[in-house]
C-alpha atoms as a PDB file:
ATOM      1  CA  MET A   1     -63.398 -41.257-107.020  1.00  0.00           C
ATOM      2  CA  PHE A   2     -59.621 -41.497-106.731  1.00  0.00           C
ATOM      3  CA  LEU A   3     -56.750 -43.953-106.409  1.00  0.00           C
ATOM      4  CA  TYR A   4     -56.267 -44.116-102.644  1.00  0.00           C
ATOM      5  CA  ARG A   5     -53.470 -46.658-102.026  1.00  0.00           C
ATOM      6  CA  VAL A   6     -51.386 -49.286-103.777  1.00  0.00           C
ATOM      7  CA  PHE A   7     -49.839 -52.513-102.542  1.00  0.00           C
ATOM      8  CA  ILE A   8     -46.376 -53.059-104.082  1.00  0.00           C
ATOM      9  CA  ASP A   9     -44.541 -56.369-104.133  1.00  0.00           C
ATOM     10  CA  ASN A  10     -41.083 -56.725-105.716  1.00  0.00           C
ATOM     11  CA  LYS A  11     -41.419 -53.432-107.626  1.00  0.00           C
ATOM     12  CA  LYS A  12     -44.814 -54.349-109.021  1.00  0.00           C
ATOM     13  CA  VAL A  13     -48.235 -52.948-108.144  1.00  0.00           C
ATOM     14  CA  VAL A  14     -50.289 -55.961-107.057  1.00  0.00           C
ATOM     15  CA  ASN A  15     -53.443 -54.267-105.783  1.00  0.00           C
ATOM     16  CA  ARG A  16     -54.937 -50.821-106.346  1.00  0.00           C
ATOM     17  CA  VAL A  17     -57.291 -49.366-103.737  1.00  0.00           C
ATOM     18  CA  TYR A  18     -59.890 -46.727-104.647  1.00  0.00           C
ATOM     19  CA  TRP A  19     -61.894 -44.310-102.524  1.00  0.00           C
ATOM     20  CA  ALA A  20     -65.282 -43.630-104.052  1.00  0.00           C
ATOM     21  CA  GLY A  21     -68.882 -42.889-103.265  1.00  0.00           C
ATOM     22  CA  SER A  22     -70.917 -45.942-102.328  1.00  0.00           C
ATOM     23  CA  ASP A  23     -73.420 -45.062-105.059  1.00  0.00           C
ATOM     24  CA  ASP A  24     -70.848 -44.341-107.772  1.00  0.00           C
ATOM     25  CA  ASP A  25     -71.357 -46.447-110.881  1.00  0.00           C
ATOM     26  CA  GLU A  26     -67.936 -48.088-110.516  1.00  0.00           C
ATOM     27  CA  THR A  27     -68.581 -49.016-106.876  1.00  0.00           C
ATOM     28  CA  VAL A  28     -72.005 -50.452-107.672  1.00  0.00           C
ATOM     29  CA  LYS A  29     -70.541 -52.601-110.451  1.00  0.00           C
ATOM     30  CA  VAL A  30     -67.669 -53.878-108.315  1.00  0.00           C
ATOM     31  CA  LYS A  31     -70.067 -54.729-105.495  1.00  0.00           C
ATOM     32  CA  GLN A  32     -72.281 -56.550-107.991  1.00  0.00           C
ATOM     33  CA  GLN A  33     -69.331 -58.631-109.171  1.00  0.00           C
ATOM     34  CA  VAL A  34     -68.781 -59.766-105.601  1.00  0.00           C
ATOM     35  CA  THR A  35     -72.422 -60.507-104.801  1.00  0.00           C
ATOM     36  CA  ASP A  36     -72.846 -62.425-108.060  1.00  0.00           C
ATOM     37  CA  VAL A  37     -70.381 -64.967-106.628  1.00  0.00           C
ATOM     38  CA  PHE A  38     -70.978 -64.534-102.895  1.00  0.00           C
ATOM     39  CA  THR A  39     -74.745 -64.423-103.077  1.00  0.00           C
ATOM     40  CA  ASP A  40     -75.334 -64.303 -99.316  1.00  0.00           C
ATOM     41  CA  GLU A  41     -72.754 -61.624 -98.612  1.00  0.00           C
ATOM     42  CA  THR A  42     -73.886 -58.662 -96.515  1.00  0.00           C
ATOM     43  CA  PHE A  43     -72.175 -55.371 -95.738  1.00  0.00           C
ATOM     44  CA  PRO A  44     -72.744 -53.591 -92.409  1.00  0.00           C
ATOM     45  CA  PHE A  45     -71.440 -50.324 -93.824  1.00  0.00           C
ATOM     46  CA  PRO A  46     -71.641 -48.767 -97.296  1.00  0.00           C
ATOM     47  CA  VAL A  47     -68.834 -49.927 -99.584  1.00  0.00           C
ATOM     48  CA  ASN A  48     -66.696 -46.950-100.536  1.00  0.00           C
ATOM     49  CA  ILE A  49     -63.099 -48.233-100.266  1.00  0.00           C
ATOM     50  CA  TRP A  50     -62.384 -51.129-102.580  1.00  0.00           C
ATOM     51  CA  GLY A  51     -59.408 -52.647-104.372  1.00  0.00           C
ATOM     52  CA  VAL A  52     -58.666 -54.690-107.460  1.00  0.00           C
ATOM     53  CA  ASP A  53     -55.763 -57.103-107.922  1.00  0.00           C
ATOM     54  CA  MET A  54     -53.620 -56.491-110.979  1.00  0.00           C
ATOM     55  CA  GLU A  55     -53.118 -60.125-111.968  1.00  0.00           C
ATOM     56  CA  ASN A  56     -55.694 -62.167-110.054  1.00  0.00           C
ATOM     57  CA  ASN A  57     -59.471 -62.107-110.264  1.00  0.00           C
ATOM     58  CA  VAL A  58     -59.669 -60.702-106.749  1.00  0.00           C
ATOM     59  CA  ILE A  59     -61.629 -57.762-105.338  1.00  0.00           C
ATOM     60  CA  THR A  60     -61.064 -56.328-101.863  1.00  0.00           C
ATOM     61  CA  PHE A  61     -63.374 -54.260 -99.667  1.00  0.00           C
ATOM     62  CA  HIS A  62     -62.208 -52.200 -96.684  1.00  0.00           C
ATOM     63  CA  GLN A  63     -64.879 -52.090 -93.963  1.00  0.00           C
ATOM     64  CA  CYS A  64     -65.074 -50.605 -90.487  1.00  0.00           C
ATOM     65  CA  SER A  65     -65.535 -52.541 -87.276  1.00  0.00           C
ATOM     66  CA  CYS A  66     -67.739 -51.319 -84.423  1.00  0.00           C
ATOM     67  CA  GLU A  67     -68.167 -51.489 -80.666  1.00  0.00           C
ATOM     68  CA  GLN A  68     -70.235 -54.228 -79.081  1.00  0.00           C
ATOM     69  CA  ASP A  69     -72.900 -51.770 -77.938  1.00  0.00           C
ATOM     70  CA  TRP A  70     -73.310 -50.102 -81.348  1.00  0.00           C
ATOM     71  CA  LYS A  71     -76.979 -50.110 -82.316  1.00  0.00           C
ATOM     72  CA  ASP A  72     -76.320 -52.108 -85.519  1.00  0.00           C
ATOM     73  CA  SER A  73     -73.575 -54.396 -84.211  1.00  0.00           C
ATOM     74  CA  SER A  74     -75.761 -57.378 -85.130  1.00  0.00           C
ATOM     75  CA  LYS A  75     -75.056 -56.561 -88.783  1.00  0.00           C
ATOM     76  CA  ILE A  76     -71.385 -57.456 -88.322  1.00  0.00           C
ATOM     77  CA  GLN A  77     -70.896 -60.923 -89.802  1.00  0.00           C
ATOM     78  CA  ASN A  78     -69.202 -62.471 -86.767  1.00  0.00           C
ATOM     79  CA  SER A  79     -68.238 -61.469 -83.228  1.00  0.00           C
ATOM     80  CA  ILE A  80     -64.562 -61.908 -84.123  1.00  0.00           C
ATOM     81  CA  LEU A  81     -64.909 -58.751 -86.241  1.00  0.00           C
ATOM     82  CA  ILE A  82     -66.331 -56.573 -83.440  1.00  0.00           C
ATOM     83  CA  GLU A  83     -64.214 -54.036 -81.538  1.00  0.00           C
ATOM     84  CA  LYS A  84     -61.348 -54.155 -84.044  1.00  0.00           C
ATOM     85  CA  ASP A  85     -59.859 -51.261 -86.019  1.00  0.00           C
ATOM     86  CA  PHE A  86     -61.096 -52.272 -89.474  1.00  0.00           C
ATOM     87  CA  MET A  87     -61.173 -55.214 -91.885  1.00  0.00           C
ATOM     88  CA  ARG A  88     -60.040 -55.944 -95.407  1.00  0.00           C
ATOM     89  CA  TYR A  89     -62.322 -58.476 -97.086  1.00  0.00           C
ATOM     90  CA  ILE A  90     -60.598 -60.404 -99.868  1.00  0.00           C
ATOM     91  CA  TYR A  91     -62.853 -62.042-102.467  1.00  0.00           C
ATOM     92  CA  ASP A  92     -61.345 -64.511-104.962  1.00  0.00           C
ATOM     93  CA  LEU A  93     -63.979 -64.616-107.679  1.00  0.00           C
ATOM     94  CA  ASP A  94     -62.435 -67.641-109.419  1.00  0.00           C
ATOM     95  CA  THR A  95     -62.391 -69.951-106.416  1.00  0.00           C
ATOM     96  CA  ALA A  96     -65.329 -68.333-104.583  1.00  0.00           C
ATOM     97  CA  THR A  97     -63.080 -68.029-101.534  1.00  0.00           C
ATOM     98  CA  LYS A  98     -63.398 -65.227 -98.993  1.00  0.00           C
ATOM     99  CA  THR A  99     -60.723 -64.350 -96.469  1.00  0.00           C
ATOM    100  CA  ILE A 100     -60.627 -61.418 -94.086  1.00  0.00           C
ATOM    101  CA  GLU A 101     -57.599 -59.459 -92.931  1.00  0.00           C
ATOM    102  CA  ILE A 102     -58.440 -58.181 -89.439  1.00  0.00           C
ATOM    103  CA  PHE A 103     -56.673 -54.990 -88.345  1.00  0.00           C
ATOM    104  CA  TYR A 104     -56.373 -54.870 -84.563  1.00  0.00           C
ATOM    105  CA  LYS A 105     -56.580 -51.742 -82.464  1.00  0.00           C
ATOM    106  CA  ASP A 106     -53.494 -50.608 -80.581  1.00  0.00           C
ATOM    107  CA  GLY A 107     -52.775 -52.961 -77.712  1.00  0.00           C
ATOM    108  CA  GLN A 108     -55.023 -55.808 -78.905  1.00  0.00           C
ATOM    109  CA  ALA A 109     -52.204 -57.899 -80.382  1.00  0.00           C
ATOM    110  CA  MET A 110     -48.472 -58.224 -79.881  1.00  0.00           C
ATOM    111  CA  PRO A 111     -45.891 -58.877 -82.637  1.00  0.00           C
ATOM    112  CA  VAL A 112     -45.034 -62.558 -83.067  1.00  0.00           C
ATOM    113  CA  VAL A 113     -41.343 -61.670 -83.496  1.00  0.00           C
ATOM    114  CA  PRO A 114     -39.091 -59.129 -81.737  1.00  0.00           C
ATOM    115  CA  LEU A 115     -38.977 -55.737 -83.427  1.00  0.00           C
ATOM    116  CA  GLY A 116     -35.728 -54.304 -84.693  1.00  0.00           C
ATOM    117  CA  SER A 117     -34.150 -51.027 -83.673  1.00  0.00           C
ATOM    118  CA  GLY A 118     -36.066 -48.008 -85.000  1.00  0.00           C
ATOM    119  CA  ILE A 119     -39.084 -50.074 -86.083  1.00  0.00           C
ATOM    120  CA  ASN A 120     -42.528 -48.633 -85.308  1.00  0.00           C
ATOM    121  CA  VAL A 121     -45.726 -50.657 -85.561  1.00  0.00           C
ATOM    122  CA  MET A 122     -48.604 -49.071 -87.478  1.00  0.00           C
ATOM    123  CA  TYR A 123     -50.915 -52.099 -87.643  1.00  0.00           C
ATOM    124  CA  ILE A 124     -50.955 -55.736 -86.594  1.00  0.00           C
ATOM    125  CA  THR A 125     -53.305 -58.010 -88.528  1.00  0.00           C
ATOM    126  CA  ASP A 126     -54.351 -61.619 -88.757  1.00  0.00           C
ATOM    127  CA  MET A 127     -56.223 -63.552 -91.416  1.00  0.00           C
ATOM    128  CA  ALA A 128     -59.546 -65.287 -90.901  1.00  0.00           C
ATOM    129  CA  ASN A 129     -61.062 -67.795 -93.292  1.00  0.00           C
ATOM    130  CA  SER A 130     -64.677 -67.801 -94.460  1.00  0.00           C
ATOM    131  CA  ASN A 131     -65.646 -69.664 -91.274  1.00  0.00           C
ATOM    132  CA  PHE A 132     -64.153 -66.804 -89.235  1.00  0.00           C
ATOM    133  CA  GLU A 133     -61.332 -68.981 -87.944  1.00  0.00           C
ATOM    134  CA  LEU A 134     -58.032 -67.192 -87.330  1.00  0.00           C
ATOM    135  CA  GLN A 135     -55.176 -68.617 -89.377  1.00  0.00           C
ATOM    136  CA  ASN A 136     -52.380 -67.469 -87.039  1.00  0.00           C
ATOM    137  CA  THR A 137     -50.545 -65.869 -89.947  1.00  0.00           C
ATOM    138  CA  GLN A 138     -49.815 -62.441 -88.541  1.00  0.00           C
ATOM    139  CA  ALA A 139     -48.792 -59.430 -90.573  1.00  0.00           C
ATOM    140  CA  ILE A 140     -47.040 -56.434 -89.047  1.00  0.00           C
ATOM    141  CA  TYR A 141     -47.278 -53.087 -90.862  1.00  0.00           C
ATOM    142  CA  VAL A 142     -44.267 -51.021 -89.844  1.00  0.00           C
ATOM    143  CA  THR A 143     -42.656 -47.653 -90.434  1.00  0.00           C
ATOM    144  CA  GLY A 144     -39.115 -46.512 -89.844  1.00  0.00           C
ATOM    145  CA  ASP A 145     -35.936 -45.314 -91.461  1.00  0.00           C
ATOM    146  CA  ALA A 146     -35.108 -47.361 -94.562  1.00  0.00           C
ATOM    147  CA  ASP A 147     -31.856 -48.669 -93.088  1.00  0.00           C
ATOM    148  CA  ASP A 148     -33.692 -49.870 -89.973  1.00  0.00           C
ATOM    149  CA  VAL A 149     -36.435 -51.540 -92.009  1.00  0.00           C
ATOM    150  CA  TRP A 150     -33.943 -53.308 -94.287  1.00  0.00           C
ATOM    151  CA  ASN A 151     -31.797 -54.394 -91.336  1.00  0.00           C
ATOM    152  CA  TRP A 152     -34.787 -55.828 -89.528  1.00  0.00           C
ATOM    153  CA  ALA A 153     -35.959 -57.660 -92.651  1.00  0.00           C
ATOM    154  CA  ASN A 154     -32.550 -59.260 -93.112  1.00  0.00           C
ATOM    155  CA  SER A 155     -32.470 -60.382 -89.474  1.00  0.00           C
ATOM    156  CA  LEU A 156     -35.680 -62.423 -89.690  1.00  0.00           C
ATOM    157  CA  ASP A 157     -36.105 -66.109 -90.438  1.00  0.00           C
ATOM    158  CA  THR A 158     -37.702 -66.569 -93.866  1.00  0.00           C
ATOM    159  CA  VAL A 159     -39.710 -69.433 -95.313  1.00  0.00           C
ATOM    160  CA  ASP A 160     -36.932 -70.413 -97.712  1.00  0.00           C
ATOM    161  CA  SER A 161     -33.945 -69.242 -95.606  1.00  0.00           C
ATOM    162  CA  SER A 162     -33.005 -66.660 -98.240  1.00  0.00           C
ATOM    163  CA  ALA A 163     -32.810 -62.890 -97.912  1.00  0.00           C
ATOM    164  CA  PRO A 164     -36.269 -61.301 -98.254  1.00  0.00           C
ATOM    165  CA  THR A 165     -37.239 -59.537-101.463  1.00  0.00           C
ATOM    166  CA  MET A 166     -37.996 -55.920-100.657  1.00  0.00           C
ATOM    167  CA  PRO A 167     -40.822 -54.098-102.459  1.00  0.00           C
ATOM    168  CA  ILE A 168     -38.854 -51.059-103.655  1.00  0.00           C
ATOM    169  CA  THR A 169     -35.284 -49.815-103.710  1.00  0.00           C
ATOM    170  CA  LYS A 170     -34.034 -48.593-100.358  1.00  0.00           C
ATOM    171  CA  GLY A 171     -33.963 -44.830-100.041  1.00  0.00           C
ATOM    172  CA  LYS A 172     -37.020 -43.928-102.118  1.00  0.00           C
ATOM    173  CA  LYS A 173     -39.084 -41.085-100.663  1.00  0.00           C
ATOM    174  CA  LEU A 174     -42.274 -42.231 -98.983  1.00  0.00           C
ATOM    175  CA  HIS A 175     -45.315 -40.588 -97.440  1.00  0.00           C
ATOM    176  CA  ARG A 176     -45.106 -40.420 -93.652  1.00  0.00           C
ATOM    177  CA  ASP A 177     -48.045 -42.837 -93.338  1.00  0.00           C
ATOM    178  CA  ASP A 178     -46.708 -45.389 -95.844  1.00  0.00           C
ATOM    179  CA  SER A 179     -45.890 -48.715 -94.244  1.00  0.00           C
ATOM    180  CA  TYR A 180     -44.172 -52.005 -94.992  1.00  0.00           C
ATOM    181  CA  LYS A 181     -46.317 -55.091 -94.513  1.00  0.00           C
ATOM    182  CA  PHE A 182     -44.256 -57.953 -93.072  1.00  0.00           C
ATOM    183  CA  GLN A 183     -46.245 -61.145 -93.593  1.00  0.00           C
ATOM    184  CA  PHE A 184     -45.425 -64.168 -91.413  1.00  0.00           C
ATOM    185  CA  ASP A 185     -46.544 -67.790 -91.604  1.00  0.00           C
ATOM    186  CA  SER A 186     -47.887 -69.816 -88.672  1.00  0.00           C
ATOM    187  CA  ASN A 187     -44.295 -70.724 -87.747  1.00  0.00           C
ATOM    188  CA  LYS A 188     -43.374 -67.040 -87.382  1.00  0.00           C
ATOM    189  CA  ARG A 189     -41.229 -67.100 -90.521  1.00  0.00           C
ATOM    190  CA  LEU A 190     -41.220 -64.133 -92.865  1.00  0.00           C
ATOM    191  CA  VAL A 191     -43.114 -64.844 -96.089  1.00  0.00           C
ATOM    192  CA  SER A 192     -43.055 -61.469 -97.856  1.00  0.00           C
ATOM    193  CA  VAL A 193     -42.579 -57.730 -97.503  1.00  0.00           C
ATOM    194  CA  THR A 194     -45.092 -55.498 -99.295  1.00  0.00           C
ATOM    195  CA  LEU A 195     -45.293 -51.712 -99.415  1.00  0.00           C
ATOM    196  CA  PHE A 196     -48.680 -50.186 -98.575  1.00  0.00           C
ATOM    197  CA  ALA A 197     -48.290 -46.763-100.149  1.00  0.00           C
ATOM    198  CA  HIS A 198     -49.961 -43.459-100.836  1.00  0.00           C
ATOM    199  CA  LEU A 199     -49.531 -41.650-104.138  1.00  0.00           C
ATOM    200  CA  GLU A 200     -49.052 -37.969-104.823  1.00  0.00           C
ATOM    201  CA  ARG A 201     -52.336 -36.774-106.349  1.00  0.00           C
ATOM    202  CA  TYR A 202     -52.772 -33.513-108.198  1.00  0.00           C
ATOM    203  CA  GLN A 203     -54.846 -31.868-110.915  1.00  0.00           C
ATOM    204  CA  VAL A 204     -53.264 -31.124-114.286  1.00  0.00           C
ATOM    205  CA  TRP A 205     -54.579 -29.513-117.437  1.00  0.00           C
ATOM    206  CA  GLY A 206     -54.753 -31.754-120.503  1.00  0.00           C
ATOM    207  CA  ASN A 207     -55.542 -30.670-124.038  1.00  0.00           C
ATOM    208  CA  THR A 208     -59.234 -30.223-123.355  1.00  0.00           C
ATOM    209  CA  GLU A 209     -59.876 -30.968-119.696  1.00  0.00           C
ATOM    210  CA  VAL A 210     -58.474 -31.135-116.192  1.00  0.00           C
ATOM    211  CA  PHE A 211     -57.586 -34.624-114.975  1.00  0.00           C
ATOM    212  CA  THR A 212     -55.814 -36.228-112.032  1.00  0.00           C
ATOM    213  CA  GLU A 213     -52.240 -37.491-112.080  1.00  0.00           C
ATOM    214  CA  TYR A 214     -50.772 -39.911-109.562  1.00  0.00           C
ATOM    215  CA  THR A 215     -47.073 -40.257-108.954  1.00  0.00           C
ATOM    216  CA  ALA A 216     -44.454 -41.359-106.434  1.00  0.00           C
ATOM    217  CA  ASP A 217     -40.689 -41.338-106.081  1.00  0.00           C
ATOM    218  CA  PHE A 218     -40.609 -45.084-106.762  1.00  0.00           C
ATOM    219  CA  ALA A 219     -42.742 -44.851-109.928  1.00  0.00           C
ATOM    220  CA  SER A 220     -39.831 -45.178-112.360  1.00  0.00           C
ATOM    221  CA  GLU A 221     -38.907 -48.653-111.077  1.00  0.00           C
ATOM    222  CA  LEU A 222     -42.392 -50.171-111.180  1.00  0.00           C
ATOM    223  CA  THR A 223     -42.305 -53.031-113.666  1.00  0.00           C
ATOM    224  CA  ASN A 224     -46.006 -52.701-114.520  1.00  0.00           C
ATOM    225  CA  LEU A 225     -46.174 -48.907-114.522  1.00  0.00           C
ATOM    226  CA  GLY A 226     -47.843 -48.871-117.938  1.00  0.00           C
ATOM    227  CA  ASP A 227     -50.806 -50.857-116.611  1.00  0.00           C
ATOM    228  CA  THR A 228     -51.556 -48.337-113.860  1.00  0.00           C
ATOM    229  CA  GLU A 229     -52.638 -44.712-113.576  1.00  0.00           C
ATOM    230  CA  ILE A 230     -49.252 -43.841-112.053  1.00  0.00           C
ATOM    231  CA  VAL A 231     -46.750 -41.662-113.909  1.00  0.00           C
ATOM    232  CA  VAL A 232     -43.074 -40.909-113.296  1.00  0.00           C
ATOM    233  CA  PRO A 233     -42.811 -37.509-111.568  1.00  0.00           C
ATOM    234  CA  LYS A 234     -41.623 -34.653-113.748  1.00  0.00           C
ATOM    235  CA  TYR A 235     -40.052 -31.454-112.444  1.00  0.00           C
ATOM    236  CA  ASP A 236     -39.261 -28.083-113.965  1.00  0.00           C
ATOM    237  CA  LEU A 237     -35.863 -26.387-113.765  1.00  0.00           C
ATOM    238  CA  HIS A 238     -36.771 -25.009-110.348  1.00  0.00           C
ATOM    239  CA  GLY A 239     -37.663 -28.383-108.867  1.00  0.00           C
ATOM    240  CA  ASN A 240     -41.424 -27.855-109.030  1.00  0.00           C
ATOM    241  CA  LEU A 241     -43.639 -30.822-109.870  1.00  0.00           C
ATOM    242  CA  VAL A 242     -45.272 -30.369-113.284  1.00  0.00           C
ATOM    243  CA  ALA A 243     -47.579 -32.464-115.456  1.00  0.00           C
ATOM    244  CA  GLN A 244     -46.315 -35.383-117.491  1.00  0.00           C
ATOM    245  CA  GLU A 245     -46.839 -35.401-121.248  1.00  0.00           C
ATOM    246  CA  VAL A 246     -48.804 -38.647-121.112  1.00  0.00           C
ATOM    247  CA  ASN A 247     -52.484 -38.441-120.185  1.00  0.00           C
ATOM    248  CA  LYS A 248     -53.541 -41.473-118.166  1.00  0.00           C
ATOM    249  CA  ALA A 249     -56.899 -40.039-117.241  1.00  0.00           C
ATOM    250  CA  ASP A 250     -58.684 -42.877-119.043  1.00  0.00           C
ATOM    251  CA  LEU A 251     -56.509 -45.682-117.647  1.00  0.00           C
ATOM    252  CA  LYS A 252     -58.278 -46.680-114.470  1.00  0.00           C
ATOM    253  CA  GLU A 253     -60.790 -48.937-112.755  1.00  0.00           C
ATOM    254  CA  TYR A 254     -60.058 -52.019-114.842  1.00  0.00           C
ATOM    255  CA  VAL A 255     -61.277 -55.379-113.623  1.00  0.00           C
ATOM    256  CA  LYS A 256     -60.727 -58.888-114.928  1.00  0.00           C
ATOM    257  CA  VAL A 257     -63.639 -60.553-116.686  1.00  0.00           C
ATOM    258  CA  PRO A 258     -63.450 -64.245-117.713  1.00  0.00           C
ATOM    259  CA  LYS A 259     -63.482 -64.857-121.457  1.00  0.00           C
ATOM    260  CA  ASN A 260     -66.488 -66.718-122.849  1.00  0.00           C
ATOM    261  CA  ASP A 261     -64.378 -69.120-124.914  1.00  0.00           C
ATOM    262  CA  GLY A 262     -63.745 -71.582-122.086  1.00  0.00           C
ATOM    263  CA  SER A 263     -60.006 -70.866-122.148  1.00  0.00           C
ATOM    264  CA  GLY A 264     -59.857 -69.779-118.528  1.00  0.00           C
ATOM    265  CA  ASN A 265     -58.242 -66.482-119.608  1.00  0.00           C
ATOM    266  CA  TYR A 266     -59.445 -62.957-118.918  1.00  0.00           C
ATOM    267  CA  ASP A 267     -60.166 -59.689-120.629  1.00  0.00           C
ATOM    268  CA  HIS A 268     -59.339 -56.407-118.884  1.00  0.00           C
ATOM    269  CA  VAL A 269     -62.560 -54.409-118.974  1.00  0.00           C
ATOM    270  CA  LYS A 270     -63.270 -50.908-117.736  1.00  0.00           C
ATOM    271  CA  LEU A 271     -65.900 -50.882-115.035  1.00  0.00           C
ATOM    272  CA  LYS A 272     -67.863 -48.220-116.881  1.00  0.00           C
ATOM    273  CA  ASP A 273     -68.143 -50.592-119.871  1.00  0.00           C
ATOM    274  CA  LEU A 274     -69.545 -53.554-117.949  1.00  0.00           C
END
């Protein structure tokens, strides 16, 4: 099991996405949290990519789509989810609300706004509610040179007519498959820009065991770095990446669990301790 992706909004990690075995203890417990609230929920494919919000009691599952003639296509919850690229199911455990971010295949959807110079589309998505009704709130995941991305962002109409807040400082090094999620409302106005990012993952030797470190060039500016598994990259005198002094091997897979005192507040609990 490893930290697969992070969503970053205004220099803060807002959702962590893990890749794990469908039978791993952590995956089973996360799935149980969802089905305890959404008792009729079914999954056409094994759950092995799932995310947890940092501040909200929200769990996300990434699931594949399928072709119409696939032998088990009847297991897909609704025809609107067939013949797409993949889906991101978003479960709010407090409000018992499910929404689905549908990722279209290339050529299935066109951007709702003109693209800027140097902007490349990685994904186009739309949101569906629990009744599988499209909300016409498109998101465009894009890649491109930082200057081009920032210029395009500043050229768009926003919901409050102010300059958009970008997720990280311009010029930070990114993975070639990292993308910026431009979220629009139903009036084609920009709502937010979020970074959908990989992390550098490598094995390091601790005092008694080998563990995994995660880092990125933007790590030092994350305002909630201490609440994540991510560390600031450290280099030796020759520019080689080396292990940090801090061991975050045990800081992972936290979920929010409502307190039993009726306060409406939460405890952060490790999945393995549930």
